[in-house]
Amino acid sequence: MFNNKNILITGGTGSFGKKYTEIILAKYKPNKIIIYSRDELKQYEMAQEFTDACMRYFIGDVRDGARLKEAMDGVDFVIHAAALKHVPVAEYNPMECIKTNIDGAQNVIEAAIACNVDKVIALSTDKAANPINLYGATKLASDKLFVAANNMVGSRKTRFSVVRYGNVTGSRGSVIPFFKKLIDNGATELPITDVKMTRFLITLEDGVNFVLKDFERMYGGEIFIPKIPSMYMTELALAMAPNLPHKIIGIRPGEKLHEIMCPADDSHLTLEFHDHFVIQPTIQFAHITDFTTNRLGEVGVPVAQGFEYNSGNNTEWISHAELLEMAKEYL
């Protein structure tokens, strides 16, 4: 599907963009991979690592619609990964988060339509489901923009979908690097917000492969959610530092006890497939009315009314042995 195609990744120097580039180069022969981001140092460092002839590095911000249109000229597929993601930073700088996560999303949409891009997938977050912090609220707004964009395309071929998943192992700013830094700095205890706190966890590779598959599955308008395991934060801390005690610090502002990916309020829109869920759009599209069978022929069934997929009621859990193995990679 990606052979001889032009692919653009916004926020492409981040954890997802680098792993995506690695996997695409290993599995396919793209014509171009365009890394679009605003940090010249990260661009320079990534260019030293990925030197293939198909690589292109574009300095630009998603807040700049004109630059996005220049970068998307001739592009077939777009992955929108650029975002301001740090919860406390977003609370302190709300308009900056809004400019990037909401205005930037609209700029990506308009550029993709103007350039007749084939397919766009925007990366979302579990924090967009029933959001209680500004970051989650901006990503929910972004999700709504990308879903509704399918009704803006007119006769053009461009289609938009969203992928939502939970915490990624080892990604910048996530809990594993945070615990590792504390351990490396000689911490005598690890902070735990609540002993009952759970989180979804997905590897970066699994996240990338899910997005690749969703490009094949999508009609446009779906929110794709993978079935992934949960973990207790206490178990992760125990796996990474079995000899360190835990200090209970309480749930921080904007934090949830359990993360949600399929809200109960969306249960009437949610379809369950073998290895993922799809939240159907709340609005009607001219190009598709039935999402129960995707483009790969996979069949989904409606979930029960009131069903909620959250990290606390999950049926799949990461075992202590798996967490120990995972922790070795980061210690």
C-alpha atoms as a PDB file:
ATOM      1  CA  MET A   1       0.000   0.000   0.000  1.00  0.00           C
ATOM      2  CA  PHE A   2       2.862   2.398   0.747  1.00  0.00           C
ATOM      3  CA  ASN A   3       5.226   1.382  -2.040  1.00  0.00           C
ATOM      4  CA  ASN A   4       6.068   4.319  -4.319  1.00  0.00           C
ATOM      5  CA  LYS A   5       3.875   6.621  -2.216  1.00  0.00           C
ATOM      6  CA  ASN A   6       4.591   9.963  -0.581  1.00  0.00           C
ATOM      7  CA  ILE A   7       3.989  10.040   3.173  1.00  0.00           C
ATOM      8  CA  LEU A   8       4.053  13.066   5.469  1.00  0.00           C
ATOM      9  CA  ILE A   9       4.246  12.889   9.270  1.00  0.00           C
ATOM     10  CA  THR A  10       3.528  16.007  11.310  1.00  0.00           C
ATOM     11  CA  GLY A  11       5.509  16.006  14.526  1.00  0.00           C
ATOM     12  CA  GLY A  12       7.625  13.445  12.729  1.00  0.00           C
ATOM     13  CA  THR A  13      10.696  13.764  14.982  1.00  0.00           C
ATOM     14  CA  GLY A  14       8.770  12.420  17.985  1.00  0.00           C
ATOM     15  CA  SER A  15       8.748   8.851  19.273  1.00  0.00           C
ATOM     16  CA  PHE A  16       5.928   7.766  16.959  1.00  0.00           C
ATOM     17  CA  GLY A  17       7.394   9.416  13.857  1.00  0.00           C
ATOM     18  CA  LYS A  18      10.785   7.814  14.307  1.00  0.00           C
ATOM     19  CA  LYS A  19       9.362   4.324  14.882  1.00  0.00           C
ATOM     20  CA  TYR A  20       6.926   4.769  11.997  1.00  0.00           C
ATOM     21  CA  THR A  21       9.777   5.772   9.698  1.00  0.00           C
ATOM     22  CA  GLU A  22      11.831   2.779  10.826  1.00  0.00           C
ATOM     23  CA  ILE A  23       9.001   0.338  10.139  1.00  0.00           C
ATOM     24  CA  ILE A  24       7.967   1.876   6.811  1.00  0.00           C
ATOM     25  CA  LEU A  25      11.554   1.751   5.530  1.00  0.00           C
ATOM     26  CA  ALA A  26      11.863  -1.893   6.624  1.00  0.00           C
ATOM     27  CA  LYS A  27       8.580  -3.086   5.096  1.00  0.00           C
ATOM     28  CA  TYR A  28       7.972  -0.866   2.077  1.00  0.00           C
ATOM     29  CA  LYS A  29       9.672   1.194  -0.593  1.00  0.00           C
ATOM     30  CA  PRO A  30       8.086   4.641  -0.318  1.00  0.00           C
ATOM     31  CA  ASN A  31       8.861   7.370  -2.811  1.00  0.00           C
ATOM     32  CA  LYS A  32       9.163  10.002  -0.060  1.00  0.00           C
ATOM     33  CA  ILE A  33       8.824  10.190   3.705  1.00  0.00           C
ATOM     34  CA  ILE A  34       8.440  13.826   4.714  1.00  0.00           C
ATOM     35  CA  ILE A  35       9.245  14.652   8.331  1.00  0.00           C
ATOM     36  CA  TYR A  36       7.406  17.856   9.195  1.00  0.00           C
ATOM     37  CA  SER A  37       8.229  19.491  12.542  1.00  0.00           C
ATOM     38  CA  ARG A  38       9.413  22.752  14.033  1.00  0.00           C
ATOM     39  CA  ASP A  39      12.496  21.656  16.019  1.00  0.00           C
ATOM     40  CA  GLU A  40      15.599  21.979  13.860  1.00  0.00           C
ATOM     41  CA  LEU A  41      17.819  20.131  16.359  1.00  0.00           C
ATOM     42  CA  LYS A  42      15.547  17.077  16.380  1.00  0.00           C
ATOM     43  CA  GLN A  43      15.337  17.260  12.593  1.00  0.00           C
ATOM     44  CA  TYR A  44      19.125  17.358  12.353  1.00  0.00           C
ATOM     45  CA  GLU A  45      19.518  14.420  14.743  1.00  0.00           C
ATOM     46  CA  MET A  46      16.888  12.345  12.942  1.00  0.00           C
ATOM     47  CA  ALA A  47      18.518  13.104   9.584  1.00  0.00           C
ATOM     48  CA  GLN A  48      21.753  11.557  10.889  1.00  0.00           C
ATOM     49  CA  GLU A  49      19.851   8.378  11.804  1.00  0.00           C
ATOM     50  CA  PHE A  50      17.608   8.047   8.740  1.00  0.00           C
ATOM     51  CA  THR A  51      19.674   8.813   5.659  1.00  0.00           C
ATOM     52  CA  ASP A  52      17.690   6.924   2.998  1.00  0.00           C
ATOM     53  CA  ALA A  53      17.272   8.722  -0.316  1.00  0.00           C
ATOM     54  CA  CYS A  54      13.506   8.925   0.166  1.00  0.00           C
ATOM     55  CA  MET A  55      13.778  10.995   3.364  1.00  0.00           C
ATOM     56  CA  ARG A  56      12.792  14.662   3.337  1.00  0.00           C
ATOM     57  CA  TYR A  57      12.990  17.025   6.314  1.00  0.00           C
ATOM     58  CA  PHE A  58      10.690  20.054   6.374  1.00  0.00           C
ATOM     59  CA  ILE A  59      10.918  22.671   9.108  1.00  0.00           C
ATOM     60  CA  GLY A  60       7.404  23.904   9.815  1.00  0.00           C
ATOM     61  CA  ASP A  61       4.689  24.315  12.424  1.00  0.00           C
ATOM     62  CA  VAL A  62       1.150  22.972  12.129  1.00  0.00           C
ATOM     63  CA  ARG A  63       0.038  26.468  13.107  1.00  0.00           C
ATOM     64  CA  ASP A  64       1.304  27.601   9.672  1.00  0.00           C
ATOM     65  CA  GLY A  65      -1.318  26.577   7.114  1.00  0.00           C
ATOM     66  CA  ALA A  66       0.582  27.924   4.112  1.00  0.00           C
ATOM     67  CA  ARG A  67       3.698  25.933   4.993  1.00  0.00           C
ATOM     68  CA  LEU A  68       1.606  22.786   5.457  1.00  0.00           C
ATOM     69  CA  LYS A  69       0.195  23.189   1.957  1.00  0.00           C
ATOM     70  CA  GLU A  70       3.713  23.502   0.543  1.00  0.00           C
ATOM     71  CA  ALA A  71       4.797  20.367   2.399  1.00  0.00           C
ATOM     72  CA  MET A  72       1.734  18.321   1.346  1.00  0.00           C
ATOM     73  CA  ASP A  73       2.052  18.986  -2.367  1.00  0.00           C
ATOM     74  CA  GLY A  74       1.950  15.571  -4.049  1.00  0.00           C
ATOM     75  CA  VAL A  75       1.503  13.681  -0.763  1.00  0.00           C
ATOM     76  CA  ASP A  76      -0.620  10.510  -0.667  1.00  0.00           C
ATOM     77  CA  PHE A  77      -0.853   9.767   3.070  1.00  0.00           C
ATOM     78  CA  VAL A  78      -0.616  11.994   6.150  1.00  0.00           C
ATOM     79  CA  ILE A  79      -0.151  10.959   9.779  1.00  0.00           C
ATOM     80  CA  HIS A  80      -0.913  13.851  12.103  1.00  0.00           C
ATOM     81  CA  ALA A  81       1.156  13.258  15.244  1.00  0.00           C
ATOM     82  CA  ALA A  82       2.060  16.861  16.164  1.00  0.00           C
ATOM     83  CA  ALA A  83       0.545  18.071  19.440  1.00  0.00           C
ATOM     84  CA  LEU A  84       1.268  19.761  22.735  1.00  0.00           C
ATOM     85  CA  LYS A  85       0.766  16.804  25.077  1.00  0.00           C
ATOM     86  CA  HIS A  86       1.975  17.700  28.586  1.00  0.00           C
ATOM     87  CA  VAL A  87      -1.067  18.019  30.853  1.00  0.00           C
ATOM     88  CA  PRO A  88       0.267  20.589  33.400  1.00  0.00           C
ATOM     89  CA  VAL A  89       1.937  22.645  30.646  1.00  0.00           C
ATOM     90  CA  ALA A  90      -1.370  22.787  28.769  1.00  0.00           C
ATOM     91  CA  GLU A  91      -3.191  23.917  31.910  1.00  0.00           C
ATOM     92  CA  TYR A  92      -0.671  26.726  32.410  1.00  0.00           C
ATOM     93  CA  ASN A  93      -0.521  27.729  28.726  1.00  0.00           C
ATOM     94  CA  PRO A  94      -4.055  27.005  27.486  1.00  0.00           C
ATOM     95  CA  MET A  95      -4.093  29.178  24.374  1.00  0.00           C
ATOM     96  CA  GLU A  96      -0.789  27.731  23.143  1.00  0.00           C
ATOM     97  CA  CYS A  97      -2.255  24.233  23.456  1.00  0.00           C
ATOM     98  CA  ILE A  98      -5.403  25.338  21.636  1.00  0.00           C
ATOM     99  CA  LYS A  99      -3.403  26.963  18.816  1.00  0.00           C
ATOM    100  CA  THR A 100      -1.433  23.771  18.160  1.00  0.00           C
ATOM    101  CA  ASN A 101      -3.956  21.032  18.927  1.00  0.00           C
ATOM    102  CA  ILE A 102      -7.123  22.616  17.525  1.00  0.00           C
ATOM    103  CA  ASP A 103      -6.074  25.338  15.085  1.00  0.00           C
ATOM    104  CA  GLY A 104      -3.219  23.100  13.915  1.00  0.00           C
ATOM    105  CA  ALA A 105      -5.639  20.239  13.299  1.00  0.00           C
ATOM    106  CA  GLN A 106      -7.826  22.464  11.125  1.00  0.00           C
ATOM    107  CA  ASN A 107      -4.755  23.603   9.187  1.00  0.00           C
ATOM    108  CA  VAL A 108      -3.802  19.971   8.511  1.00  0.00           C
ATOM    109  CA  ILE A 109      -7.338  19.269   7.299  1.00  0.00           C
ATOM    110  CA  GLU A 110      -7.441  22.268   4.967  1.00  0.00           C
ATOM    111  CA  ALA A 111      -3.978  21.542   3.572  1.00  0.00           C
ATOM    112  CA  ALA A 112      -4.853  17.878   2.943  1.00  0.00           C
ATOM    113  CA  ILE A 113      -8.029  18.806   1.082  1.00  0.00           C
ATOM    114  CA  ALA A 114      -6.284  21.518  -0.928  1.00  0.00           C
ATOM    115  CA  CYS A 115      -3.527  19.071  -1.942  1.00  0.00           C
ATOM    116  CA  ASN A 116      -5.956  16.206  -2.667  1.00  0.00           C
ATOM    117  CA  VAL A 117      -4.226  13.879  -0.205  1.00  0.00           C
ATOM    118  CA  ASP A 118      -5.632  10.351  -0.327  1.00  0.00           C
ATOM    119  CA  LYS A 119      -5.901   9.453   3.382  1.00  0.00           C
ATOM    120  CA  VAL A 120      -5.186  11.196   6.688  1.00  0.00           C
ATOM    121  CA  ILE A 121      -4.998   9.571  10.106  1.00  0.00           C
ATOM    122  CA  ALA A 122      -4.824  11.797  13.184  1.00  0.00           C
ATOM    123  CA  LEU A 123      -3.378  10.382  16.389  1.00  0.00           C
ATOM    124  CA  SER A 124      -5.560  10.919  19.441  1.00  0.00           C
ATOM    125  CA  THR A 125      -5.282   9.921  23.104  1.00  0.00           C
ATOM    126  CA  ASP A 126      -7.312   8.204  25.793  1.00  0.00           C
ATOM    127  CA  LYS A 127      -7.472  11.632  27.476  1.00  0.00           C
ATOM    128  CA  ALA A 128      -9.849  12.765  24.705  1.00  0.00           C
ATOM    129  CA  ALA A 129     -12.532  10.393  26.045  1.00  0.00           C
ATOM    130  CA  ASN A 130     -14.602  12.211  28.699  1.00  0.00           C
ATOM    131  CA  PRO A 131     -11.801  14.776  29.088  1.00  0.00           C
ATOM    132  CA  ILE A 132     -11.117  16.403  32.449  1.00  0.00           C
ATOM    133  CA  ASN A 133      -8.041  18.427  31.453  1.00  0.00           C
ATOM    134  CA  LEU A 134      -7.366  20.967  28.721  1.00  0.00           C
ATOM    135  CA  TYR A 135      -5.084  18.667  26.750  1.00  0.00           C
ATOM    136  CA  GLY A 136      -7.823  16.021  26.551  1.00  0.00           C
ATOM    137  CA  ALA A 137     -10.412  18.656  25.646  1.00  0.00           C
ATOM    138  CA  THR A 138      -8.274  19.972  22.774  1.00  0.00           C
ATOM    139  CA  LYS A 139      -7.734  16.458  21.457  1.00  0.00           C
ATOM    140  CA  LEU A 140     -11.466  15.750  21.617  1.00  0.00           C
ATOM    141  CA  ALA A 141     -12.036  18.915  19.595  1.00  0.00           C
ATOM    142  CA  SER A 142      -9.332  17.775  17.165  1.00  0.00           C
ATOM    143  CA  ASP A 143     -10.993  14.354  16.831  1.00  0.00           C
ATOM    144  CA  LYS A 144     -14.319  16.019  16.027  1.00  0.00           C
ATOM    145  CA  LEU A 145     -12.665  18.229  13.407  1.00  0.00           C
ATOM    146  CA  PHE A 146     -11.058  15.265  11.639  1.00  0.00           C
ATOM    147  CA  VAL A 147     -14.266  13.232  11.658  1.00  0.00           C
ATOM    148  CA  ALA A 148     -16.358  16.136  10.331  1.00  0.00           C
ATOM    149  CA  ALA A 149     -13.735  16.929   7.675  1.00  0.00           C
ATOM    150  CA  ASN A 150     -15.085  14.016   5.623  1.00  0.00           C
ATOM    151  CA  ASN A 151     -18.099  16.202   4.858  1.00  0.00           C
ATOM    152  CA  MET A 152     -15.871  19.072   3.665  1.00  0.00           C
ATOM    153  CA  VAL A 153     -14.152  17.238   0.831  1.00  0.00           C
ATOM    154  CA  GLY A 154     -16.845  17.565  -1.845  1.00  0.00           C
ATOM    155  CA  SER A 155     -15.852  15.529  -4.883  1.00  0.00           C
ATOM    156  CA  ARG A 156     -12.257  15.118  -3.715  1.00  0.00           C
ATOM    157  CA  LYS A 157     -10.922  11.711  -2.691  1.00  0.00           C
ATOM    158  CA  THR A 158      -9.457  12.801   0.677  1.00  0.00           C
ATOM    159  CA  ARG A 159     -10.637  10.837   3.715  1.00  0.00           C
ATOM    160  CA  PHE A 160      -9.915  11.380   7.413  1.00  0.00           C
ATOM    161  CA  SER A 161      -9.913   8.973  10.381  1.00  0.00           C
ATOM    162  CA  VAL A 162      -8.619   8.993  13.958  1.00  0.00           C
ATOM    163  CA  VAL A 163      -6.598   6.481  15.994  1.00  0.00           C
ATOM    164  CA  ARG A 164      -6.904   6.617  19.779  1.00  0.00           C
ATOM    165  CA  TYR A 165      -4.725   4.619  22.156  1.00  0.00           C
ATOM    166  CA  GLY A 166      -3.205   4.772  25.638  1.00  0.00           C
ATOM    167  CA  ASN A 167       0.235   5.201  27.138  1.00  0.00           C
ATOM    168  CA  VAL A 168       3.151   4.171  24.935  1.00  0.00           C
ATOM    169  CA  THR A 169       6.082   2.368  26.534  1.00  0.00           C
ATOM    170  CA  GLY A 170       9.130   4.572  26.671  1.00  0.00           C
ATOM    171  CA  SER A 171       7.653   7.575  24.867  1.00  0.00           C
ATOM    172  CA  ARG A 172       8.917  10.978  25.926  1.00  0.00           C
ATOM    173  CA  GLY A 173       7.181  12.291  29.042  1.00  0.00           C
ATOM    174  CA  SER A 174       5.564   8.946  29.916  1.00  0.00           C
ATOM    175  CA  VAL A 175       5.818   7.130  33.217  1.00  0.00           C
ATOM    176  CA  ILE A 176       8.569   4.621  32.350  1.00  0.00           C
ATOM    177  CA  PRO A 177      11.215   7.257  31.480  1.00  0.00           C
ATOM    178  CA  PHE A 178      10.021   9.255  34.510  1.00  0.00           C
ATOM    179  CA  PHE A 179      10.567   6.329  36.876  1.00  0.00           C
ATOM    180  CA  LYS A 180      13.892   5.533  35.175  1.00  0.00           C
ATOM    181  CA  LYS A 181      15.171   9.064  35.718  1.00  0.00           C
ATOM    182  CA  LEU A 182      14.234   8.917  39.400  1.00  0.00           C
ATOM    183  CA  ILE A 183      15.970   5.548  39.797  1.00  0.00           C
ATOM    184  CA  ASP A 184      19.091   6.736  37.943  1.00  0.00           C
ATOM    185  CA  ASN A 185      19.239   9.798  40.199  1.00  0.00           C
ATOM    186  CA  GLY A 186      19.257   7.646  43.322  1.00  0.00           C
ATOM    187  CA  ALA A 187      15.641   8.043  44.436  1.00  0.00           C
ATOM    188  CA  THR A 188      14.820   6.355  47.739  1.00  0.00           C
ATOM    189  CA  GLU A 189      11.129   5.951  46.852  1.00  0.00           C
ATOM    190  CA  LEU A 190       8.843   6.121  43.803  1.00  0.00           C
ATOM    191  CA  PRO A 191       5.768   8.370  43.761  1.00  0.00           C
ATOM    192  CA  ILE A 192       2.428   6.646  43.187  1.00  0.00           C
ATOM    193  CA  THR A 193      -0.705   8.738  42.861  1.00  0.00           C
ATOM    194  CA  ASP A 194      -3.127   5.991  43.987  1.00  0.00           C
ATOM    195  CA  VAL A 195      -2.690   2.279  44.653  1.00  0.00           C
ATOM    196  CA  LYS A 196      -5.762   1.528  42.507  1.00  0.00           C
ATOM    197  CA  MET A 197      -4.598   3.582  39.522  1.00  0.00           C
ATOM    198  CA  THR A 198      -4.478   1.715  36.192  1.00  0.00           C
ATOM    199  CA  ARG A 199      -3.353   2.622  32.700  1.00  0.00           C
ATOM    200  CA  PHE A 200      -3.507   1.131  29.220  1.00  0.00           C
ATOM    201  CA  LEU A 201      -0.079   0.324  27.803  1.00  0.00           C
ATOM    202  CA  ILE A 202       0.952  -0.261  24.205  1.00  0.00           C
ATOM    203  CA  THR A 203       4.381  -0.658  22.659  1.00  0.00           C
ATOM    204  CA  LEU A 204       5.464   1.890  20.097  1.00  0.00           C
ATOM    205  CA  GLU A 205       5.790  -0.816  17.447  1.00  0.00           C
ATOM    206  CA  ASP A 206       2.266  -2.095  18.093  1.00  0.00           C
ATOM    207  CA  GLY A 207       0.951   1.456  17.887  1.00  0.00           C
ATOM    208  CA  VAL A 208       2.631   2.045  14.525  1.00  0.00           C
ATOM    209  CA  ASN A 209       1.453  -1.276  13.099  1.00  0.00           C
ATOM    210  CA  PHE A 210      -2.107  -0.505  14.222  1.00  0.00           C
ATOM    211  CA  VAL A 211      -2.013   2.812  12.362  1.00  0.00           C
ATOM    212  CA  LEU A 212      -0.624   1.116   9.245  1.00  0.00           C
ATOM    213  CA  LYS A 213      -3.453  -1.408   9.313  1.00  0.00           C
ATOM    214  CA  ASP A 214      -6.050   1.315   9.845  1.00  0.00           C
ATOM    215  CA  PHE A 215      -4.997   3.015   6.620  1.00  0.00           C
ATOM    216  CA  GLU A 216      -6.169  -0.184   4.929  1.00  0.00           C
ATOM    217  CA  ARG A 217      -9.324  -0.507   7.052  1.00  0.00           C
ATOM    218  CA  MET A 218     -10.630   3.051   6.917  1.00  0.00           C
ATOM    219  CA  TYR A 219     -13.537   4.496   4.976  1.00  0.00           C
ATOM    220  CA  GLY A 220     -13.180   7.877   6.688  1.00  0.00           C
ATOM    221  CA  GLY A 221     -14.896   9.085   9.842  1.00  0.00           C
ATOM    222  CA  GLU A 222     -13.950   6.221  12.186  1.00  0.00           C
ATOM    223  CA  ILE A 223     -12.186   6.498  15.523  1.00  0.00           C
ATOM    224  CA  PHE A 224     -10.071   3.318  15.751  1.00  0.00           C
ATOM    225  CA  ILE A 225      -9.162   1.991  19.208  1.00  0.00           C
ATOM    226  CA  PRO A 226      -6.911  -1.071  19.662  1.00  0.00           C
ATOM    227  CA  LYS A 227      -7.561  -3.711  22.291  1.00  0.00           C
ATOM    228  CA  ILE A 228      -4.514  -3.391  24.519  1.00  0.00           C
ATOM    229  CA  PRO A 229      -3.636  -4.587  28.036  1.00  0.00           C
ATOM    230  CA  SER A 230      -3.857  -2.655  31.278  1.00  0.00           C
ATOM    231  CA  MET A 231      -1.449  -2.420  34.189  1.00  0.00           C
ATOM    232  CA  TYR A 232      -1.461  -1.201  37.762  1.00  0.00           C
ATOM    233  CA  MET A 233       0.971   1.648  38.335  1.00  0.00           C
ATOM    234  CA  THR A 234       2.121  -0.073  41.520  1.00  0.00           C
ATOM    235  CA  GLU A 235       3.041  -3.183  39.511  1.00  0.00           C
ATOM    236  CA  LEU A 236       5.110  -1.120  37.083  1.00  0.00           C
ATOM    237  CA  ALA A 237       6.957   0.581  39.931  1.00  0.00           C
ATOM    238  CA  LEU A 238       7.595  -2.796  41.561  1.00  0.00           C
ATOM    239  CA  ALA A 239       8.930  -4.238  38.297  1.00  0.00           C
ATOM    240  CA  MET A 240      11.283  -1.318  37.701  1.00  0.00           C
ATOM    241  CA  ALA A 241      12.513  -0.947  41.288  1.00  0.00           C
ATOM    242  CA  PRO A 242      11.576  -3.947  43.448  1.00  0.00           C
ATOM    243  CA  ASN A 243      13.555  -2.642  46.417  1.00  0.00           C
ATOM    244  CA  LEU A 244      12.153   0.885  46.513  1.00  0.00           C
ATOM    245  CA  PRO A 245       9.114   1.755  48.641  1.00  0.00           C
ATOM    246  CA  HIS A 246       6.187   3.680  47.175  1.00  0.00           C
ATOM    247  CA  LYS A 247       5.021   7.093  48.333  1.00  0.00           C
ATOM    248  CA  ILE A 248       1.319   7.764  47.766  1.00  0.00           C
ATOM    249  CA  ILE A 249       1.022  11.376  46.595  1.00  0.00           C
ATOM    250  CA  GLY A 250      -2.647  11.551  45.552  1.00  0.00           C
ATOM    251  CA  ILE A 251      -4.237  12.056  42.147  1.00  0.00           C
ATOM    252  CA  ARG A 252      -2.881  15.164  40.459  1.00  0.00           C
ATOM    253  CA  PRO A 253      -5.059  17.841  38.803  1.00  0.00           C
ATOM    254  CA  GLY A 254      -6.366  16.645  35.449  1.00  0.00           C
ATOM    255  CA  GLU A 255      -5.622  12.982  36.214  1.00  0.00           C
ATOM    256  CA  LYS A 256      -8.032  10.026  36.263  1.00  0.00           C
ATOM    257  CA  LEU A 257      -7.954   6.863  38.340  1.00  0.00           C
ATOM    258  CA  HIS A 258      -8.618   4.804  35.198  1.00  0.00           C
ATOM    259  CA  GLU A 259      -8.201   5.918  31.598  1.00  0.00           C
ATOM    260  CA  ILE A 260     -11.133   5.593  29.184  1.00  0.00           C
ATOM    261  CA  MET A 261     -10.931   4.851  25.474  1.00  0.00           C
ATOM    262  CA  CYS A 262     -14.564   3.980  24.632  1.00  0.00           C
ATOM    263  CA  PRO A 263     -16.909   6.087  26.805  1.00  0.00           C
ATOM    264  CA  ALA A 264     -20.242   4.642  27.916  1.00  0.00           C
ATOM    265  CA  ASP A 265     -21.965   7.671  26.367  1.00  0.00           C
ATOM    266  CA  ASP A 266     -20.660   6.507  22.968  1.00  0.00           C
ATOM    267  CA  SER A 267     -21.719   2.876  23.430  1.00  0.00           C
ATOM    268  CA  HIS A 268     -24.548   3.256  20.882  1.00  0.00           C
ATOM    269  CA  LEU A 269     -21.889   4.199  18.319  1.00  0.00           C
ATOM    270  CA  THR A 270     -19.246   1.610  19.240  1.00  0.00           C
ATOM    271  CA  LEU A 271     -18.483  -1.530  17.240  1.00  0.00           C
ATOM    272  CA  GLU A 272     -16.305  -4.370  18.531  1.00  0.00           C
ATOM    273  CA  PHE A 273     -13.977  -6.148  16.123  1.00  0.00           C
ATOM    274  CA  HIS A 274     -11.593  -9.021  16.830  1.00  0.00           C
ATOM    275  CA  ASP A 275      -8.667  -6.874  17.953  1.00  0.00           C
ATOM    276  CA  HIS A 276     -10.058  -3.352  18.069  1.00  0.00           C
ATOM    277  CA  PHE A 277     -13.079  -1.107  18.540  1.00  0.00           C
ATOM    278  CA  VAL A 278     -14.493   1.527  16.211  1.00  0.00           C
ATOM    279  CA  ILE A 279     -16.487   4.538  17.368  1.00  0.00           C
ATOM    280  CA  GLN A 280     -18.714   5.508  14.478  1.00  0.00           C
ATOM    281  CA  PRO A 281     -19.334   9.177  13.691  1.00  0.00           C
ATOM    282  CA  THR A 282     -22.335  10.954  15.189  1.00  0.00           C
ATOM    283  CA  ILE A 283     -23.008  12.637  11.859  1.00  0.00           C
ATOM    284  CA  GLN A 284     -24.039  11.168   8.514  1.00  0.00           C
ATOM    285  CA  PHE A 285     -21.718  10.964   5.521  1.00  0.00           C
ATOM    286  CA  ALA A 286     -22.546  10.663   1.839  1.00  0.00           C
ATOM    287  CA  HIS A 287     -19.657   8.278   1.137  1.00  0.00           C
ATOM    288  CA  ILE A 288     -20.417   5.614   3.807  1.00  0.00           C
ATOM    289  CA  THR A 289     -23.370   4.658   6.002  1.00  0.00           C
ATOM    290  CA  ASP A 290     -22.359   1.197   7.267  1.00  0.00           C
ATOM    291  CA  PHE A 291     -19.120   0.778   9.220  1.00  0.00           C
ATOM    292  CA  THR A 292     -19.809  -2.799  10.427  1.00  0.00           C
ATOM    293  CA  THR A 293     -17.629  -4.304   7.672  1.00  0.00           C
ATOM    294  CA  ASN A 294     -14.377  -2.470   6.999  1.00  0.00           C
ATOM    295  CA  ARG A 295     -12.324  -2.364   3.806  1.00  0.00           C
ATOM    296  CA  LEU A 296     -10.410  -5.492   4.872  1.00  0.00           C
ATOM    297  CA  GLY A 297     -13.658  -7.441   5.255  1.00  0.00           C
ATOM    298  CA  GLU A 298     -13.407  -7.547   9.057  1.00  0.00           C
ATOM    299  CA  VAL A 299     -16.836  -7.538  10.707  1.00  0.00           C
ATOM    300  CA  GLY A 300     -17.730  -5.639  13.865  1.00  0.00           C
ATOM    301  CA  VAL A 301     -20.746  -6.008  16.129  1.00  0.00           C
ATOM    302  CA  PRO A 302     -22.441  -3.356  18.287  1.00  0.00           C
ATOM    303  CA  VAL A 303     -21.433  -3.365  21.961  1.00  0.00           C
ATOM    304  CA  ALA A 304     -24.030  -3.471  24.742  1.00  0.00           C
ATOM    305  CA  GLN A 305     -25.687  -0.233  25.785  1.00  0.00           C
ATOM    306  CA  GLY A 306     -23.631   1.380  28.535  1.00  0.00           C
ATOM    307  CA  PHE A 307     -20.444  -0.496  27.601  1.00  0.00           C
ATOM    308  CA  GLU A 308     -17.273   1.363  28.567  1.00  0.00           C
ATOM    309  CA  TYR A 309     -13.739   0.311  27.691  1.00  0.00           C
ATOM    310  CA  ASN A 310     -11.486   1.621  30.411  1.00  0.00           C
ATOM    311  CA  SER A 311      -8.196   0.512  31.923  1.00  0.00           C
ATOM    312  CA  GLY A 312      -9.886  -0.592  35.138  1.00  0.00           C
ATOM    313  CA  ASN A 313     -12.508  -2.916  33.623  1.00  0.00           C
ATOM    314  CA  ASN A 314     -10.218  -4.362  30.952  1.00  0.00           C
ATOM    315  CA  THR A 315     -10.149  -8.138  30.513  1.00  0.00           C
ATOM    316  CA  GLU A 316      -6.486  -8.165  29.422  1.00  0.00           C
ATOM    317  CA  TRP A 317      -3.729  -7.330  31.915  1.00  0.00           C
ATOM    318  CA  ILE A 318       0.036  -7.205  31.658  1.00  0.00           C
ATOM    319  CA  SER A 319       1.488  -9.871  33.924  1.00  0.00           C
ATOM    320  CA  HIS A 320       4.177  -9.156  36.482  1.00  0.00           C
ATOM    321  CA  ALA A 321       6.616 -11.255  34.433  1.00  0.00           C
ATOM    322  CA  GLU A 322       5.839  -9.200  31.305  1.00  0.00           C
ATOM    323  CA  LEU A 323       6.366  -5.966  33.212  1.00  0.00           C
ATOM    324  CA  LEU A 324       9.687  -7.269  34.505  1.00  0.00           C
ATOM    325  CA  GLU A 325      10.774  -8.076  30.954  1.00  0.00           C
ATOM    326  CA  MET A 326       9.591  -4.681  29.752  1.00  0.00           C
ATOM    327  CA  ALA A 327      11.393  -2.885  32.574  1.00  0.00           C
ATOM    328  CA  LYS A 328      14.725  -4.522  31.643  1.00  0.00           C
ATOM    329  CA  GLU A 329      14.673  -2.647  28.351  1.00  0.00           C
ATOM    330  CA  TYR A 330      14.667   0.684  30.174  1.00  0.00           C
ATOM    331  CA  LEU A 331      16.986  -0.071  33.110  1.00  0.00           C
END
